[in-house]
Amino acid sequence: TYLMAEVEIVATYELFNINRTKLENLIHRIFDSARLDIEIKDRFGKPVTPREWYLVPHFVIDEAVERIRDGSISGYVYDPQSANLVHRD
């Protein structure tokens, strides 16, 4: 993730036997509706639009990780209106 400031780690997760590229694409698909639409300037003053910052409650991330672990994530996306994962066909 592209960061330009100190961060506080609030949770870590361990997943095994998962292709990292597919995992990243999956996370982008699930949380796309909650992507933060922001433009910041990098250290050279050039505008940058981060694509990996999302506004999602921790409990939803916990659920998504658990569904990834157990294989039940297929068809789920984040719904910002209800602040929950919802199944979409």
N, C-alpha and C. Protein backbone atom coordinates (compact mmCIF):
# COMPACT_ATOMS: atom_id res chain seq x y z
N THR A 1 0.84 -1.19 0.00
CA THR A 1 0.00 0.00 0.00
C THR A 1 0.88 1.24 0.00
N TYR A 2 0.49 2.20 -0.77
CA TYR A 2 1.23 3.46 -0.87
C TYR A 2 0.83 4.35 0.30
N LEU A 3 1.76 4.61 1.22
CA LEU A 3 1.47 5.44 2.38
C LEU A 3 2.45 6.59 2.43
N MET A 4 1.98 7.71 2.94
CA MET A 4 2.85 8.87 3.06
C MET A 4 2.89 9.39 4.49
N ALA A 5 2.56 8.53 5.45
CA ALA A 5 2.54 8.95 6.85
C ALA A 5 2.69 7.72 7.74
N GLU A 6 2.93 7.97 9.00
CA GLU A 6 2.99 6.89 9.98
C GLU A 6 1.62 6.22 10.06
N VAL A 7 1.61 4.94 10.36
CA VAL A 7 0.36 4.22 10.52
C VAL A 7 0.38 3.43 11.82
N GLU A 8 -0.80 3.11 12.30
CA GLU A 8 -0.95 2.24 13.45
C GLU A 8 -1.54 0.93 12.95
N ILE A 9 -0.84 -0.16 13.17
CA ILE A 9 -1.36 -1.48 12.78
C ILE A 9 -2.40 -1.88 13.81
N VAL A 10 -3.62 -2.11 13.35
CA VAL A 10 -4.71 -2.47 14.27
C VAL A 10 -5.07 -3.94 14.19
N ALA A 11 -4.63 -4.63 13.13
CA ALA A 11 -4.90 -6.06 13.02
C ALA A 11 -3.94 -6.67 12.00
N THR A 12 -3.63 -7.92 12.20
CA THR A 12 -2.87 -8.69 11.22
C THR A 12 -3.59 -10.01 11.01
N TYR A 13 -3.43 -10.58 9.83
CA TYR A 13 -4.10 -11.83 9.48
C TYR A 13 -3.10 -12.74 8.81
N GLU A 14 -3.25 -14.04 9.02
CA GLU A 14 -2.42 -15.02 8.34
C GLU A 14 -3.29 -15.88 7.45
N LEU A 15 -2.91 -15.96 6.20
CA LEU A 15 -3.59 -16.82 5.24
C LEU A 15 -2.53 -17.69 4.58
N PHE A 16 -2.88 -18.93 4.31
CA PHE A 16 -1.92 -19.87 3.75
C PHE A 16 -2.41 -20.42 2.42
N ASN A 17 -1.46 -20.78 1.56
CA ASN A 17 -1.75 -21.43 0.28
C ASN A 17 -2.70 -20.59 -0.59
N ILE A 18 -2.47 -19.30 -0.60
CA ILE A 18 -3.29 -18.38 -1.40
C ILE A 18 -2.35 -17.58 -2.31
N ASN A 19 -2.71 -17.49 -3.56
CA ASN A 19 -1.95 -16.69 -4.51
C ASN A 19 -2.12 -15.22 -4.13
N ARG A 20 -1.02 -14.54 -3.86
CA ARG A 20 -1.08 -13.14 -3.40
C ARG A 20 -1.72 -12.21 -4.41
N THR A 21 -1.46 -12.40 -5.69
CA THR A 21 -2.06 -11.55 -6.71
C THR A 21 -3.57 -11.75 -6.76
N LYS A 22 -4.01 -13.01 -6.70
CA LYS A 22 -5.45 -13.29 -6.69
C LYS A 22 -6.10 -12.74 -5.43
N LEU A 23 -5.41 -12.84 -4.30
CA LEU A 23 -5.94 -12.31 -3.05
C LEU A 23 -6.12 -10.80 -3.15
N GLU A 24 -5.12 -10.11 -3.67
CA GLU A 24 -5.23 -8.66 -3.81
C GLU A 24 -6.38 -8.29 -4.74
N ASN A 25 -6.51 -8.98 -5.85
CA ASN A 25 -7.62 -8.72 -6.77
C ASN A 25 -8.96 -8.98 -6.11
N LEU A 26 -9.04 -10.02 -5.31
CA LEU A 26 -10.27 -10.35 -4.59
C LEU A 26 -10.63 -9.25 -3.61
N ILE A 27 -9.66 -8.78 -2.86
CA ILE A 27 -9.91 -7.71 -1.90
C ILE A 27 -10.38 -6.44 -2.61
N HIS A 28 -9.76 -6.12 -3.74
CA HIS A 28 -10.20 -4.96 -4.52
C HIS A 28 -11.64 -5.13 -4.99
N ARG A 29 -12.00 -6.34 -5.44
CA ARG A 29 -13.37 -6.59 -5.91
C ARG A 29 -14.37 -6.46 -4.76
N ILE A 30 -14.07 -7.06 -3.63
CA ILE A 30 -15.00 -7.07 -2.50
C ILE A 30 -15.26 -5.65 -1.99
N PHE A 31 -14.20 -4.87 -1.85
CA PHE A 31 -14.32 -3.56 -1.20
C PHE A 31 -14.33 -2.37 -2.16
N ASP A 32 -14.48 -2.62 -3.44
CA ASP A 32 -14.46 -1.56 -4.44
C ASP A 32 -15.42 -0.42 -4.12
N SER A 33 -16.59 -0.73 -3.63
CA SER A 33 -17.60 0.30 -3.35
C SER A 33 -17.21 1.21 -2.19
N ALA A 34 -16.19 0.80 -1.42
CA ALA A 34 -15.77 1.60 -0.27
C ALA A 34 -14.41 2.23 -0.48
N ARG A 35 -13.94 2.23 -1.73
CA ARG A 35 -12.63 2.82 -2.02
C ARG A 35 -12.68 4.32 -1.74
N LEU A 36 -11.69 4.79 -1.01
CA LEU A 36 -11.59 6.22 -0.69
C LEU A 36 -11.19 6.98 -1.94
N ASP A 37 -11.98 7.95 -2.31
CA ASP A 37 -11.72 8.77 -3.49
C ASP A 37 -10.98 10.02 -3.04
N ILE A 38 -9.65 9.95 -3.11
CA ILE A 38 -8.84 11.05 -2.61
C ILE A 38 -7.60 11.22 -3.49
N GLU A 39 -7.15 12.43 -3.59
CA GLU A 39 -5.90 12.71 -4.29
C GLU A 39 -4.97 13.41 -3.31
N ILE A 40 -3.75 12.91 -3.20
CA ILE A 40 -2.76 13.51 -2.32
C ILE A 40 -1.51 13.83 -3.13
N LYS A 41 -0.65 14.63 -2.56
CA LYS A 41 0.61 14.96 -3.25
C LYS A 41 1.73 14.13 -2.64
N ASP A 42 2.56 13.57 -3.51
CA ASP A 42 3.70 12.80 -3.02
C ASP A 42 4.80 13.77 -2.55
N ARG A 43 5.93 13.24 -2.15
CA ARG A 43 6.98 14.08 -1.58
C ARG A 43 7.57 15.07 -2.59
N PHE A 44 7.28 14.87 -3.87
CA PHE A 44 7.74 15.79 -4.90
C PHE A 44 6.64 16.76 -5.35
N GLY A 45 5.46 16.68 -4.70
CA GLY A 45 4.35 17.55 -5.04
C GLY A 45 3.49 17.05 -6.18
N LYS A 46 3.79 15.85 -6.65
CA LYS A 46 3.01 15.26 -7.75
C LYS A 46 1.73 14.64 -7.20
N PRO A 47 0.57 14.91 -7.82
CA PRO A 47 -0.68 14.32 -7.33
C PRO A 47 -0.72 12.81 -7.55
N VAL A 48 -1.19 12.10 -6.53
CA VAL A 48 -1.30 10.65 -6.55
C VAL A 48 -2.69 10.27 -6.05
N THR A 49 -3.30 9.28 -6.69
CA THR A 49 -4.60 8.77 -6.26
C THR A 49 -4.42 7.35 -5.75
N PRO A 50 -4.39 7.15 -4.43
CA PRO A 50 -4.23 5.79 -3.89
C PRO A 50 -5.42 4.93 -4.28
N ARG A 51 -5.17 3.69 -4.66
CA ARG A 51 -6.25 2.78 -5.04
C ARG A 51 -6.45 1.69 -4.00
N GLU A 52 -5.72 1.76 -2.90
CA GLU A 52 -5.80 0.69 -1.90
C GLU A 52 -6.21 1.20 -0.53
N TRP A 53 -6.91 2.31 -0.48
CA TRP A 53 -7.43 2.83 0.77
C TRP A 53 -8.95 2.67 0.74
N TYR A 54 -9.48 2.04 1.77
CA TYR A 54 -10.91 1.75 1.85
C TYR A 54 -11.46 2.21 3.19
N LEU A 55 -12.73 2.57 3.21
CA LEU A 55 -13.43 2.92 4.44
C LEU A 55 -14.35 1.75 4.80
N VAL A 56 -13.84 0.86 5.63
CA VAL A 56 -14.55 -0.38 5.98
C VAL A 56 -14.37 -0.65 7.47
N PRO A 57 -15.44 -1.00 8.20
CA PRO A 57 -15.29 -1.33 9.63
C PRO A 57 -14.45 -2.59 9.83
N HIS A 58 -13.75 -2.63 10.96
CA HIS A 58 -12.89 -3.79 11.25
C HIS A 58 -13.66 -5.11 11.25
N PHE A 59 -14.88 -5.11 11.79
CA PHE A 59 -15.62 -6.37 11.86
C PHE A 59 -15.94 -6.93 10.47
N VAL A 60 -16.07 -6.06 9.48
CA VAL A 60 -16.33 -6.52 8.11
C VAL A 60 -15.05 -7.12 7.52
N ILE A 61 -13.93 -6.52 7.82
CA ILE A 61 -12.65 -7.09 7.36
C ILE A 61 -12.45 -8.45 7.99
N ASP A 62 -12.74 -8.57 9.29
CA ASP A 62 -12.63 -9.87 9.97
C ASP A 62 -13.50 -10.92 9.28
N GLU A 63 -14.73 -10.54 8.94
CA GLU A 63 -15.63 -11.48 8.27
C GLU A 63 -15.11 -11.85 6.89
N ALA A 64 -14.62 -10.87 6.14
CA ALA A 64 -14.09 -11.16 4.81
C ALA A 64 -12.91 -12.12 4.89
N VAL A 65 -12.01 -11.89 5.82
CA VAL A 65 -10.86 -12.78 5.97
C VAL A 65 -11.32 -14.19 6.33
N GLU A 66 -12.28 -14.30 7.22
CA GLU A 66 -12.79 -15.63 7.59
C GLU A 66 -13.45 -16.32 6.41
N ARG A 67 -14.19 -15.56 5.60
CA ARG A 67 -14.81 -16.16 4.41
C ARG A 67 -13.76 -16.54 3.36
N ILE A 68 -12.69 -15.79 3.27
CA ILE A 68 -11.60 -16.18 2.38
C ILE A 68 -10.99 -17.49 2.88
N ARG A 69 -10.77 -17.59 4.19
CA ARG A 69 -10.20 -18.81 4.79
C ARG A 69 -11.06 -20.03 4.51
N ASP A 70 -12.38 -19.88 4.73
CA ASP A 70 -13.25 -21.07 4.61
C ASP A 70 -13.80 -21.27 3.20
N GLY A 71 -13.46 -20.36 2.28
CA GLY A 71 -13.86 -20.52 0.88
C GLY A 71 -15.26 -20.05 0.56
N SER A 72 -15.92 -19.36 1.49
CA SER A 72 -17.31 -18.93 1.25
C SER A 72 -17.42 -17.49 0.75
N ILE A 73 -16.33 -16.87 0.34
CA ILE A 73 -16.33 -15.46 -0.06
C ILE A 73 -16.93 -15.22 -1.45
N SER A 74 -17.02 -16.25 -2.25
CA SER A 74 -17.49 -16.10 -3.62
C SER A 74 -18.85 -15.41 -3.67
N GLY A 75 -18.94 -14.34 -4.46
CA GLY A 75 -20.20 -13.63 -4.64
C GLY A 75 -20.45 -12.54 -3.62
N TYR A 76 -19.60 -12.40 -2.63
CA TYR A 76 -19.81 -11.37 -1.61
C TYR A 76 -19.12 -10.08 -2.01
N VAL A 77 -19.76 -8.97 -1.68
CA VAL A 77 -19.19 -7.63 -1.84
C VAL A 77 -19.57 -6.81 -0.61
N TYR A 78 -18.86 -5.75 -0.40
CA TYR A 78 -19.17 -4.86 0.71
C TYR A 78 -20.23 -3.86 0.29
N ASP A 79 -21.24 -3.70 1.14
CA ASP A 79 -22.31 -2.73 0.91
C ASP A 79 -22.14 -1.59 1.91
N PRO A 80 -21.69 -0.41 1.46
CA PRO A 80 -21.47 0.70 2.38
C PRO A 80 -22.73 1.18 3.09
N GLN A 81 -23.89 1.03 2.45
CA GLN A 81 -25.15 1.49 3.06
C GLN A 81 -25.47 0.71 4.33
N SER A 82 -25.27 -0.61 4.30
CA SER A 82 -25.56 -1.43 5.47
C SER A 82 -24.32 -1.73 6.30
N ALA A 83 -23.15 -1.36 5.79
CA ALA A 83 -21.87 -1.64 6.44
C ALA A 83 -21.71 -3.14 6.70
N ASN A 84 -22.05 -3.94 5.69
CA ASN A 84 -21.96 -5.39 5.81
C ASN A 84 -21.54 -5.99 4.47
N LEU A 85 -21.05 -7.23 4.54
CA LEU A 85 -20.85 -7.99 3.31
C LEU A 85 -22.21 -8.52 2.90
N VAL A 86 -22.50 -8.45 1.62
CA VAL A 86 -23.76 -8.96 1.09
C VAL A 86 -23.45 -9.88 -0.07
N HIS A 87 -24.27 -10.89 -0.26
CA HIS A 87 -24.07 -11.84 -1.35
C HIS A 87 -24.76 -11.30 -2.58
N ARG A 88 -23.99 -11.19 -3.67
CA ARG A 88 -24.53 -10.75 -4.95
C ARG A 88 -24.23 -11.84 -5.96
N ASP A 89 -25.19 -12.19 -6.74
CA ASP A 89 -24.97 -13.24 -7.76
C ASP A 89 -24.41 -12.67 -9.02
